[in-house]
Amino acid sequence: MALKLPKLESLPLKVQMGILASIVAVLIVVAYVGYFQSVMEVRNGLEAEVKHLQVSTAQGRAIESQLIRFNAELKQLDERLAVLRAILPDQKETPTVLRSVQQMAASSNLKITKFQPQPVANRTFYSDWPIQIEVQGYYDALGLFFEKISQATRIINVNDISIRSIDGSTDPTKTLQAVCTATTFVFREELVAPATTGR
């Protein structure tokens, strides 16, 4: 015996509205599960990716600002290193030192009669480089020469000064002869460079 369903039109209006509401609800659920849920998952995935990209962008901007700061600091350190290398170079630079001392002597009205570099004495991070210098001139010129040496960019210490008069000199600009040891310094970079180990 077949089940006979009543016709929709014969049902009361409240029942018809309930059936219609149920059908609409089922259609909404089917549409949500079939279409909207996948769209929502894509949307949620895109939102997560956007957040991730925003975080990455913020990190990139932070790194970029640090890089700009680091580059500025590096430039300042390079400039400072150039100044320090002028004060304490990593090479003896004999011609440069000789030329500099000759210029200081000439501008002080002294004549260099001897410029004799001595053996280098190694220290912890630097080396002493003594140079024996002999000059002829007069007392005030010698004082001016020592003053110019003290103001030189490169560190030069003067010691072991011996002064004697030039007997029988008729030239007022050549009344004395002075011998001294001018010691300058050389930075030993190989001792402070980080050691590299082979593997």
N, C-alpha and C. Protein backbone atom coordinates (compact mmCIF):
# COMPACT_ATOMS: atom_id res chain seq x y z
N MET A 1 0.84 -1.17 0.00
CA MET A 1 0.00 0.00 0.00
C MET A 1 0.89 1.24 0.00
N ALA A 2 0.70 2.13 -0.95
CA ALA A 2 1.53 3.33 -1.12
C ALA A 2 1.06 4.41 -0.17
N LEU A 3 2.10 5.13 0.34
CA LEU A 3 1.82 6.22 1.27
C LEU A 3 1.36 7.42 0.45
N LYS A 4 0.21 7.92 0.80
CA LYS A 4 -0.35 9.03 0.05
C LYS A 4 -0.13 10.30 0.84
N LEU A 5 0.69 11.27 0.25
CA LEU A 5 0.99 12.53 0.91
C LEU A 5 -0.08 13.55 0.57
N PRO A 6 -0.46 14.36 1.53
CA PRO A 6 -1.44 15.40 1.23
C PRO A 6 -0.83 16.46 0.33
N LYS A 7 -1.65 17.12 -0.42
CA LYS A 7 -1.17 18.18 -1.30
C LYS A 7 -0.83 19.41 -0.47
N LEU A 8 0.14 20.13 -0.93
CA LEU A 8 0.65 21.29 -0.20
C LEU A 8 -0.43 22.36 -0.04
N GLU A 9 -1.27 22.50 -1.08
CA GLU A 9 -2.29 23.53 -1.01
C GLU A 9 -3.35 23.22 0.04
N SER A 10 -3.49 21.93 0.36
CA SER A 10 -4.54 21.56 1.30
C SER A 10 -4.09 21.70 2.75
N LEU A 11 -2.82 21.92 2.96
CA LEU A 11 -2.30 22.07 4.32
C LEU A 11 -2.57 23.48 4.84
N PRO A 12 -2.63 23.61 6.16
CA PRO A 12 -2.83 24.95 6.71
C PRO A 12 -1.65 25.87 6.35
N LEU A 13 -1.91 27.14 6.38
CA LEU A 13 -0.92 28.14 5.97
C LEU A 13 0.32 28.08 6.85
N LYS A 14 0.18 27.87 8.13
CA LYS A 14 1.33 27.78 9.03
C LYS A 14 2.21 26.61 8.65
N VAL A 15 1.62 25.49 8.31
CA VAL A 15 2.39 24.30 7.92
C VAL A 15 3.09 24.58 6.60
N GLN A 16 2.38 25.22 5.65
CA GLN A 16 3.00 25.56 4.36
C GLN A 16 4.22 26.47 4.57
N MET A 17 4.06 27.45 5.46
CA MET A 17 5.18 28.37 5.74
C MET A 17 6.33 27.64 6.40
N GLY A 18 6.04 26.69 7.28
CA GLY A 18 7.09 25.91 7.93
C GLY A 18 7.86 25.07 6.94
N ILE A 19 7.09 24.43 6.01
CA ILE A 19 7.75 23.59 4.99
C ILE A 19 8.63 24.47 4.10
N LEU A 20 8.08 25.60 3.70
CA LEU A 20 8.84 26.52 2.85
C LEU A 20 10.10 27.01 3.58
N ALA A 21 9.98 27.33 4.86
CA ALA A 21 11.14 27.79 5.64
C ALA A 21 12.18 26.68 5.75
N SER A 22 11.72 25.44 5.93
CA SER A 22 12.64 24.30 6.00
C SER A 22 13.39 24.13 4.70
N ILE A 23 12.68 24.25 3.57
CA ILE A 23 13.32 24.10 2.26
C ILE A 23 14.37 25.20 2.06
N VAL A 24 13.99 26.43 2.42
CA VAL A 24 14.93 27.54 2.29
C VAL A 24 16.16 27.31 3.18
N ALA A 25 15.95 26.80 4.41
CA ALA A 25 17.06 26.53 5.33
C ALA A 25 17.98 25.47 4.75
N VAL A 26 17.37 24.40 4.18
CA VAL A 26 18.17 23.33 3.58
C VAL A 26 18.98 23.88 2.41
N LEU A 27 18.33 24.72 1.58
CA LEU A 27 19.06 25.32 0.45
C LEU A 27 20.21 26.21 0.92
N ILE A 28 19.99 26.96 1.99
CA ILE A 28 21.05 27.82 2.54
C ILE A 28 22.22 26.98 3.03
N VAL A 29 21.89 25.90 3.76
CA VAL A 29 22.94 25.02 4.28
C VAL A 29 23.72 24.39 3.13
N VAL A 30 22.99 23.91 2.11
CA VAL A 30 23.65 23.30 0.94
C VAL A 30 24.52 24.33 0.24
N ALA A 31 24.00 25.55 0.06
CA ALA A 31 24.78 26.60 -0.60
C ALA A 31 26.01 26.95 0.22
N TYR A 32 25.83 27.04 1.56
CA TYR A 32 26.97 27.38 2.43
C TYR A 32 28.04 26.31 2.35
N VAL A 33 27.59 25.04 2.49
CA VAL A 33 28.56 23.93 2.48
C VAL A 33 29.20 23.81 1.10
N GLY A 34 28.41 23.95 0.07
CA GLY A 34 28.92 23.74 -1.28
C GLY A 34 29.72 24.91 -1.85
N TYR A 35 29.38 26.12 -1.49
CA TYR A 35 30.02 27.26 -2.14
C TYR A 35 30.62 28.24 -1.14
N PHE A 36 29.78 28.73 -0.23
CA PHE A 36 30.22 29.79 0.67
C PHE A 36 31.34 29.33 1.60
N GLN A 37 31.30 28.08 2.04
CA GLN A 37 32.35 27.61 2.94
C GLN A 37 33.71 27.65 2.25
N SER A 38 33.76 27.21 0.98
CA SER A 38 35.04 27.25 0.27
C SER A 38 35.48 28.70 0.04
N VAL A 39 34.52 29.59 -0.26
CA VAL A 39 34.87 31.00 -0.43
C VAL A 39 35.40 31.58 0.88
N MET A 40 34.77 31.22 2.00
CA MET A 40 35.21 31.70 3.31
C MET A 40 36.61 31.18 3.64
N GLU A 41 36.87 29.90 3.29
CA GLU A 41 38.20 29.35 3.54
C GLU A 41 39.26 30.09 2.72
N VAL A 42 38.92 30.38 1.45
CA VAL A 42 39.86 31.14 0.62
C VAL A 42 40.07 32.52 1.21
N ARG A 43 38.95 33.16 1.63
CA ARG A 43 39.04 34.49 2.23
C ARG A 43 39.90 34.46 3.49
N ASN A 44 39.68 33.48 4.37
CA ASN A 44 40.47 33.36 5.60
C ASN A 44 41.95 33.13 5.28
N GLY A 45 42.20 32.30 4.27
CA GLY A 45 43.59 32.07 3.84
C GLY A 45 44.25 33.34 3.34
N LEU A 46 43.48 34.12 2.54
CA LEU A 46 44.02 35.38 2.03
C LEU A 46 44.28 36.38 3.15
N GLU A 47 43.36 36.42 4.13
CA GLU A 47 43.57 37.32 5.27
C GLU A 47 44.82 36.94 6.04
N ALA A 48 45.02 35.62 6.24
CA ALA A 48 46.22 35.15 6.96
C ALA A 48 47.48 35.51 6.17
N GLU A 49 47.41 35.37 4.85
CA GLU A 49 48.58 35.70 4.01
C GLU A 49 48.86 37.19 4.05
N VAL A 50 47.79 38.00 4.03
CA VAL A 50 47.96 39.45 4.11
C VAL A 50 48.62 39.82 5.43
N LYS A 51 48.16 39.21 6.54
CA LYS A 51 48.77 39.49 7.85
C LYS A 51 50.24 39.10 7.85
N HIS A 52 50.53 37.92 7.27
CA HIS A 52 51.92 37.45 7.20
C HIS A 52 52.77 38.43 6.38
N LEU A 53 52.22 38.90 5.24
CA LEU A 53 52.96 39.85 4.41
C LEU A 53 53.14 41.19 5.12
N GLN A 54 52.13 41.60 5.89
CA GLN A 54 52.26 42.85 6.65
C GLN A 54 53.38 42.74 7.68
N VAL A 55 53.43 41.57 8.37
CA VAL A 55 54.50 41.35 9.35
C VAL A 55 55.86 41.34 8.65
N SER A 56 55.94 40.63 7.49
CA SER A 56 57.20 40.57 6.75
C SER A 56 57.61 41.94 6.26
N THR A 57 56.64 42.75 5.81
CA THR A 57 56.93 44.10 5.34
C THR A 57 57.45 44.96 6.49
N ALA A 58 56.79 44.84 7.65
CA ALA A 58 57.24 45.61 8.83
C ALA A 58 58.66 45.20 9.22
N GLN A 59 58.94 43.88 9.18
CA GLN A 59 60.30 43.42 9.50
C GLN A 59 61.29 43.93 8.47
N GLY A 60 60.89 43.91 7.18
CA GLY A 60 61.77 44.42 6.13
C GLY A 60 62.07 45.89 6.31
N ARG A 61 61.05 46.68 6.70
CA ARG A 61 61.28 48.11 6.93
C ARG A 61 62.20 48.32 8.12
N ALA A 62 62.02 47.51 9.17
CA ALA A 62 62.89 47.63 10.34
C ALA A 62 64.33 47.30 9.96
N ILE A 63 64.50 46.23 9.17
CA ILE A 63 65.85 45.84 8.74
C ILE A 63 66.44 46.92 7.84
N GLU A 64 65.62 47.49 6.96
CA GLU A 64 66.11 48.54 6.07
C GLU A 64 66.57 49.75 6.86
N SER A 65 65.79 50.15 7.88
CA SER A 65 66.20 51.31 8.69
C SER A 65 67.47 50.99 9.46
N GLN A 66 67.61 49.74 9.94
CA GLN A 66 68.84 49.35 10.63
C GLN A 66 70.01 49.35 9.66
N LEU A 67 69.77 48.89 8.43
CA LEU A 67 70.83 48.85 7.43
C LEU A 67 71.32 50.25 7.11
N ILE A 68 70.40 51.20 7.00
CA ILE A 68 70.79 52.59 6.75
C ILE A 68 71.64 53.10 7.91
N ARG A 69 71.21 52.80 9.15
CA ARG A 69 71.97 53.22 10.33
C ARG A 69 73.34 52.55 10.36
N PHE A 70 73.37 51.22 10.07
CA PHE A 70 74.64 50.50 10.08
C PHE A 70 75.59 51.04 9.02
N ASN A 71 75.06 51.37 7.84
CA ASN A 71 75.91 51.93 6.78
C ASN A 71 76.48 53.28 7.20
N ALA A 72 75.66 54.10 7.87
CA ALA A 72 76.15 55.40 8.35
C ALA A 72 77.23 55.20 9.41
N GLU A 73 77.00 54.24 10.32
CA GLU A 73 78.01 53.95 11.35
C GLU A 73 79.29 53.41 10.72
N LEU A 74 79.14 52.55 9.72
CA LEU A 74 80.30 51.99 9.03
C LEU A 74 81.11 53.09 8.36
N LYS A 75 80.41 54.05 7.74
CA LYS A 75 81.11 55.17 7.10
C LYS A 75 81.88 55.99 8.13
N GLN A 76 81.25 56.24 9.30
CA GLN A 76 81.94 56.99 10.36
C GLN A 76 83.16 56.21 10.86
N LEU A 77 83.01 54.89 11.01
CA LEU A 77 84.13 54.08 11.48
C LEU A 77 85.26 54.04 10.46
N ASP A 78 84.91 53.99 9.16
CA ASP A 78 85.93 54.03 8.12
C ASP A 78 86.70 55.35 8.15
N GLU A 79 85.96 56.45 8.35
CA GLU A 79 86.61 57.76 8.43
C GLU A 79 87.52 57.84 9.65
N ARG A 80 87.05 57.29 10.77
CA ARG A 80 87.87 57.30 11.98
C ARG A 80 89.10 56.42 11.81
N LEU A 81 88.92 55.27 11.14
CA LEU A 81 90.05 54.38 10.89
C LEU A 81 91.09 55.07 10.02
N ALA A 82 90.64 55.84 9.02
CA ALA A 82 91.58 56.57 8.16
C ALA A 82 92.40 57.57 8.99
N VAL A 83 91.73 58.25 9.94
CA VAL A 83 92.44 59.19 10.81
C VAL A 83 93.43 58.45 11.69
N LEU A 84 92.99 57.31 12.27
CA LEU A 84 93.87 56.55 13.14
C LEU A 84 95.04 55.95 12.38
N ARG A 85 94.81 55.55 11.13
CA ARG A 85 95.92 55.00 10.33
C ARG A 85 96.94 56.09 10.00
N ALA A 86 96.49 57.34 9.92
CA ALA A 86 97.45 58.43 9.72
C ALA A 86 98.30 58.63 10.98
N ILE A 87 97.69 58.42 12.15
CA ILE A 87 98.41 58.57 13.41
C ILE A 87 99.31 57.36 13.65
N LEU A 88 98.78 56.17 13.40
CA LEU A 88 99.53 54.93 13.63
C LEU A 88 99.38 54.03 12.40
N PRO A 89 100.18 54.31 11.35
CA PRO A 89 100.04 53.54 10.12
C PRO A 89 100.49 52.10 10.29
N ASP A 90 100.13 51.25 9.32
CA ASP A 90 100.51 49.84 9.40
C ASP A 90 101.76 49.54 8.57
N GLN A 91 102.41 50.60 8.06
CA GLN A 91 103.67 50.44 7.34
C GLN A 91 104.63 51.54 7.77
N LYS A 92 105.93 51.28 7.60
CA LYS A 92 106.93 52.27 8.02
C LYS A 92 106.88 53.52 7.16
N GLU A 93 106.68 53.38 5.86
CA GLU A 93 106.59 54.52 4.94
C GLU A 93 107.81 55.44 5.07
N THR A 94 109.00 54.85 4.91
CA THR A 94 110.25 55.60 5.07
C THR A 94 110.30 56.87 4.22
N PRO A 95 109.98 56.81 2.92
CA PRO A 95 110.05 58.05 2.12
C PRO A 95 109.11 59.14 2.64
N THR A 96 107.92 58.73 3.06
CA THR A 96 106.95 59.72 3.55
C THR A 96 107.44 60.37 4.83
N VAL A 97 107.98 59.56 5.75
CA VAL A 97 108.49 60.10 7.01
C VAL A 97 109.68 61.02 6.75
N LEU A 98 110.60 60.57 5.89
CA LEU A 98 111.77 61.39 5.57
C LEU A 98 111.34 62.73 4.97
N ARG A 99 110.41 62.70 4.02
CA ARG A 99 109.94 63.93 3.37
C ARG A 99 109.29 64.86 4.41
N SER A 100 108.47 64.28 5.30
CA SER A 100 107.79 65.07 6.32
C SER A 100 108.79 65.73 7.28
N VAL A 101 109.79 64.94 7.74
CA VAL A 101 110.79 65.48 8.67
C VAL A 101 111.63 66.55 7.97
N GLN A 102 111.98 66.33 6.70
CA GLN A 102 112.75 67.32 5.95
C GLN A 102 111.97 68.63 5.81
N GLN A 103 110.66 68.51 5.54
CA GLN A 103 109.84 69.72 5.41
C GLN A 103 109.77 70.48 6.74
N MET A 104 109.61 69.71 7.84
CA MET A 104 109.55 70.37 9.15
C MET A 104 110.88 71.03 9.48
N ALA A 105 111.99 70.38 9.14
CA ALA A 105 113.31 70.95 9.41
C ALA A 105 113.53 72.20 8.55
N ALA A 106 113.21 72.11 7.26
CA ALA A 106 113.42 73.24 6.35
C ALA A 106 112.58 74.45 6.77
N SER A 107 111.32 74.20 7.15
CA SER A 107 110.46 75.32 7.56
C SER A 107 110.88 75.88 8.92
N SER A 108 111.73 75.15 9.64
CA SER A 108 112.26 75.64 10.92
C SER A 108 113.66 76.21 10.77
N ASN A 109 114.17 76.31 9.53
CA ASN A 109 115.52 76.81 9.24
C ASN A 109 116.61 75.90 9.80
N LEU A 110 116.37 74.59 9.72
CA LEU A 110 117.38 73.59 10.11
C LEU A 110 117.77 72.80 8.88
N LYS A 111 118.99 72.27 8.93
CA LYS A 111 119.46 71.40 7.86
C LYS A 111 119.68 70.01 8.44
N ILE A 112 119.05 69.00 7.80
CA ILE A 112 119.25 67.62 8.24
C ILE A 112 120.56 67.12 7.63
N THR A 113 121.47 66.69 8.48
CA THR A 113 122.75 66.14 8.00
C THR A 113 122.79 64.62 8.10
N LYS A 114 121.83 64.07 8.85
CA LYS A 114 121.79 62.61 8.99
C LYS A 114 120.36 62.17 9.28
N PHE A 115 119.92 61.16 8.55
CA PHE A 115 118.60 60.56 8.76
C PHE A 115 118.80 59.06 8.63
N GLN A 116 118.90 58.37 9.75
CA GLN A 116 119.29 56.97 9.74
C GLN A 116 118.26 56.11 10.49
N PRO A 117 117.35 55.44 9.74
CA PRO A 117 116.38 54.54 10.40
C PRO A 117 117.10 53.39 11.11
N GLN A 118 116.60 53.06 12.30
CA GLN A 118 117.16 51.99 13.12
C GLN A 118 116.26 50.76 13.04
N PRO A 119 116.73 49.62 13.55
CA PRO A 119 115.87 48.41 13.52
C PRO A 119 114.58 48.61 14.31
N VAL A 120 113.55 47.97 13.84
CA VAL A 120 112.23 48.06 14.47
C VAL A 120 112.20 47.17 15.70
N ALA A 121 111.59 47.67 16.78
CA ALA A 121 111.42 46.89 18.02
C ALA A 121 109.93 46.55 18.16
N ASN A 122 109.60 45.27 18.13
CA ASN A 122 108.20 44.84 18.18
C ASN A 122 107.64 44.90 19.59
N ARG A 123 106.43 45.39 19.69
CA ARG A 123 105.66 45.42 20.94
C ARG A 123 104.43 44.55 20.75
N THR A 124 103.48 44.66 21.67
CA THR A 124 102.30 43.80 21.62
C THR A 124 101.48 44.00 20.35
N PHE A 125 101.02 45.23 20.10
CA PHE A 125 100.18 45.50 18.93
C PHE A 125 100.82 46.50 17.97
N TYR A 126 101.99 46.96 18.30
CA TYR A 126 102.66 47.94 17.45
C TYR A 126 104.15 47.70 17.52
N SER A 127 104.87 48.42 16.69
CA SER A 127 106.33 48.34 16.68
C SER A 127 106.89 49.75 16.84
N ASP A 128 107.98 49.86 17.61
CA ASP A 128 108.72 51.12 17.70
C ASP A 128 109.67 51.18 16.51
N TRP A 129 109.71 52.32 15.87
CA TRP A 129 110.63 52.49 14.74
C TRP A 129 111.48 53.73 15.00
N PRO A 130 112.64 53.54 15.63
CA PRO A 130 113.50 54.70 15.93
C PRO A 130 114.29 55.14 14.70
N ILE A 131 114.47 56.45 14.58
CA ILE A 131 115.24 57.04 13.49
C ILE A 131 116.21 58.04 14.11
N GLN A 132 117.48 57.85 13.84
CA GLN A 132 118.48 58.80 14.36
C GLN A 132 118.57 59.97 13.39
N ILE A 133 118.41 61.17 13.95
CA ILE A 133 118.41 62.39 13.14
C ILE A 133 119.48 63.33 13.66
N GLU A 134 120.20 63.94 12.75
CA GLU A 134 121.20 64.96 13.10
C GLU A 134 120.88 66.21 12.30
N VAL A 135 120.80 67.33 12.99
CA VAL A 135 120.47 68.60 12.33
C VAL A 135 121.48 69.67 12.71
N GLN A 136 121.57 70.68 11.85
CA GLN A 136 122.39 71.86 12.13
C GLN A 136 121.51 73.09 12.01
N GLY A 137 121.76 74.05 12.91
CA GLY A 137 120.99 75.28 12.87
C GLY A 137 121.27 76.12 14.09
N TYR A 138 120.25 76.77 14.62
CA TYR A 138 120.40 77.57 15.83
C TYR A 138 119.30 77.20 16.82
N TYR A 139 119.45 77.67 18.04
CA TYR A 139 118.64 77.18 19.16
C TYR A 139 117.14 77.37 18.92
N ASP A 140 116.70 78.57 18.52
CA ASP A 140 115.27 78.82 18.32
C ASP A 140 114.70 77.94 17.21
N ALA A 141 115.51 77.73 16.17
CA ALA A 141 115.06 76.88 15.06
C ALA A 141 114.87 75.44 15.54
N LEU A 142 115.75 74.98 16.42
CA LEU A 142 115.64 73.63 16.96
C LEU A 142 114.36 73.49 17.80
N GLY A 143 114.06 74.50 18.60
CA GLY A 143 112.82 74.48 19.39
C GLY A 143 111.59 74.44 18.50
N LEU A 144 111.62 75.23 17.41
CA LEU A 144 110.49 75.25 16.47
C LEU A 144 110.34 73.89 15.79
N PHE A 145 111.47 73.27 15.44
CA PHE A 145 111.46 71.94 14.81
C PHE A 145 110.81 70.91 15.74
N PHE A 146 111.19 70.91 17.00
CA PHE A 146 110.61 69.96 17.96
C PHE A 146 109.11 70.23 18.16
N GLU A 147 108.74 71.50 18.12
CA GLU A 147 107.32 71.84 18.25
C GLU A 147 106.52 71.30 17.06
N LYS A 148 107.08 71.44 15.85
CA LYS A 148 106.39 70.93 14.65
C LYS A 148 106.29 69.41 14.69
N ILE A 149 107.32 68.75 15.18
CA ILE A 149 107.26 67.28 15.30
C ILE A 149 106.15 66.88 16.27
N SER A 150 106.00 67.64 17.36
CA SER A 150 104.95 67.30 18.35
C SER A 150 103.55 67.49 17.79
N GLN A 151 103.42 68.33 16.75
CA GLN A 151 102.11 68.60 16.15
C GLN A 151 101.84 67.76 14.91
N ALA A 152 102.77 66.90 14.53
CA ALA A 152 102.61 66.08 13.33
C ALA A 152 101.43 65.12 13.50
N THR A 153 100.80 64.77 12.38
CA THR A 153 99.68 63.84 12.42
C THR A 153 100.14 62.48 12.94
N ARG A 154 101.23 62.00 12.41
CA ARG A 154 101.79 60.72 12.84
C ARG A 154 102.48 60.92 14.18
N ILE A 155 102.36 59.98 15.09
CA ILE A 155 102.99 60.09 16.40
C ILE A 155 104.49 59.94 16.24
N ILE A 156 105.23 60.95 16.71
CA ILE A 156 106.70 60.90 16.71
C ILE A 156 107.18 61.40 18.06
N ASN A 157 107.89 60.54 18.79
CA ASN A 157 108.49 60.92 20.07
C ASN A 157 109.97 61.22 19.84
N VAL A 158 110.44 62.29 20.44
CA VAL A 158 111.86 62.64 20.32
C VAL A 158 112.51 62.47 21.68
N ASN A 159 113.63 61.72 21.71
CA ASN A 159 114.39 61.54 22.95
C ASN A 159 115.87 61.41 22.64
N ASP A 160 116.65 61.19 23.68
CA ASP A 160 118.11 61.08 23.55
C ASP A 160 118.68 62.27 22.77
N ILE A 161 118.30 63.47 23.20
CA ILE A 161 118.74 64.68 22.51
C ILE A 161 120.13 65.07 23.01
N SER A 162 121.00 65.31 22.06
CA SER A 162 122.36 65.76 22.38
C SER A 162 122.64 67.00 21.54
N ILE A 163 122.99 68.11 22.21
CA ILE A 163 123.24 69.38 21.51
C ILE A 163 124.67 69.82 21.81
N ARG A 164 125.35 70.25 20.75
CA ARG A 164 126.70 70.81 20.94
C ARG A 164 126.84 72.00 20.00
N SER A 165 127.67 72.93 20.40
CA SER A 165 127.88 74.11 19.55
C SER A 165 128.85 73.76 18.43
N ILE A 166 128.72 74.48 17.34
CA ILE A 166 129.63 74.32 16.20
C ILE A 166 130.74 75.36 16.39
N ASP A 167 131.92 74.89 16.76
CA ASP A 167 133.05 75.80 17.03
C ASP A 167 133.50 76.47 15.74
N GLY A 168 133.77 77.75 15.85
CA GLY A 168 134.33 78.51 14.73
C GLY A 168 133.33 78.84 13.64
N SER A 169 132.00 78.64 13.89
CA SER A 169 131.01 78.96 12.86
C SER A 169 130.80 80.47 12.79
N THR A 170 130.85 80.99 11.59
CA THR A 170 130.59 82.42 11.39
C THR A 170 129.17 82.68 10.91
N ASP A 171 128.44 81.60 10.62
CA ASP A 171 127.06 81.70 10.14
C ASP A 171 126.12 81.70 11.34
N PRO A 172 125.37 82.78 11.59
CA PRO A 172 124.49 82.82 12.77
C PRO A 172 123.34 81.81 12.70
N THR A 173 123.06 81.27 11.50
CA THR A 173 122.00 80.27 11.39
C THR A 173 122.53 78.85 11.61
N LYS A 174 123.87 78.72 11.83
CA LYS A 174 124.46 77.40 12.09
C LYS A 174 125.38 77.50 13.30
N THR A 175 124.75 77.60 14.48
CA THR A 175 125.53 77.74 15.71
C THR A 175 125.56 76.45 16.52
N LEU A 176 124.68 75.49 16.17
CA LEU A 176 124.66 74.25 16.95
C LEU A 176 124.38 73.06 16.06
N GLN A 177 124.73 71.91 16.60
CA GLN A 177 124.43 70.63 15.94
C GLN A 177 123.71 69.78 16.99
N ALA A 178 122.57 69.20 16.59
CA ALA A 178 121.78 68.38 17.53
C ALA A 178 121.60 67.00 16.94
N VAL A 179 121.74 66.01 17.81
CA VAL A 179 121.48 64.63 17.45
C VAL A 179 120.36 64.14 18.36
N CYS A 180 119.37 63.46 17.78
CA CYS A 180 118.26 62.94 18.58
C CYS A 180 117.75 61.66 17.95
N THR A 181 116.96 60.95 18.71
CA THR A 181 116.27 59.76 18.19
C THR A 181 114.79 60.09 18.11
N ALA A 182 114.26 60.10 16.90
CA ALA A 182 112.83 60.31 16.69
C ALA A 182 112.19 58.93 16.52
N THR A 183 111.31 58.58 17.42
CA THR A 183 110.68 57.26 17.37
C THR A 183 109.23 57.41 16.91
N THR A 184 108.91 56.73 15.85
CA THR A 184 107.52 56.68 15.40
C THR A 184 107.04 55.24 15.55
N PHE A 185 105.79 55.01 15.27
CA PHE A 185 105.21 53.72 15.60
C PHE A 185 104.47 53.15 14.41
N VAL A 186 104.46 51.81 14.33
CA VAL A 186 103.81 51.10 13.24
C VAL A 186 102.83 50.10 13.84
N PHE A 187 101.60 50.15 13.40
CA PHE A 187 100.55 49.24 13.88
C PHE A 187 100.78 47.85 13.31
N ARG A 188 100.73 46.83 14.14
CA ARG A 188 100.93 45.44 13.70
C ARG A 188 99.57 44.78 13.53
N GLU A 189 98.95 45.01 12.38
CA GLU A 189 97.57 44.57 12.12
C GLU A 189 97.44 43.05 12.16
N GLU A 190 98.48 42.34 11.75
CA GLU A 190 98.37 40.87 11.70
C GLU A 190 98.17 40.26 13.09
N LEU A 191 98.54 41.00 14.14
CA LEU A 191 98.37 40.45 15.49
C LEU A 191 96.96 40.62 16.03
N VAL A 192 96.21 41.56 15.48
CA VAL A 192 94.85 41.77 15.99
C VAL A 192 93.80 41.29 15.02
N ALA A 193 94.20 40.87 13.81
CA ALA A 193 93.22 40.33 12.86
C ALA A 193 92.73 39.00 13.37
N PRO A 194 91.41 38.68 13.21
CA PRO A 194 90.89 37.41 13.71
C PRO A 194 91.54 36.25 12.99
N ALA A 195 91.90 35.22 13.76
CA ALA A 195 92.55 34.05 13.18
C ALA A 195 91.54 33.23 12.42
N THR A 196 91.91 32.77 11.24
CA THR A 196 91.03 31.92 10.45
C THR A 196 91.53 30.49 10.55
N THR A 197 90.62 29.59 10.79
CA THR A 197 91.00 28.17 10.94
C THR A 197 90.52 27.41 9.74
N GLY A 198 91.40 26.61 9.19
CA GLY A 198 91.01 25.79 8.04
C GLY A 198 90.27 24.55 8.47
N ARG A 199 89.34 24.10 7.65
CA ARG A 199 88.57 22.90 8.00
C ARG A 199 88.79 21.85 6.93
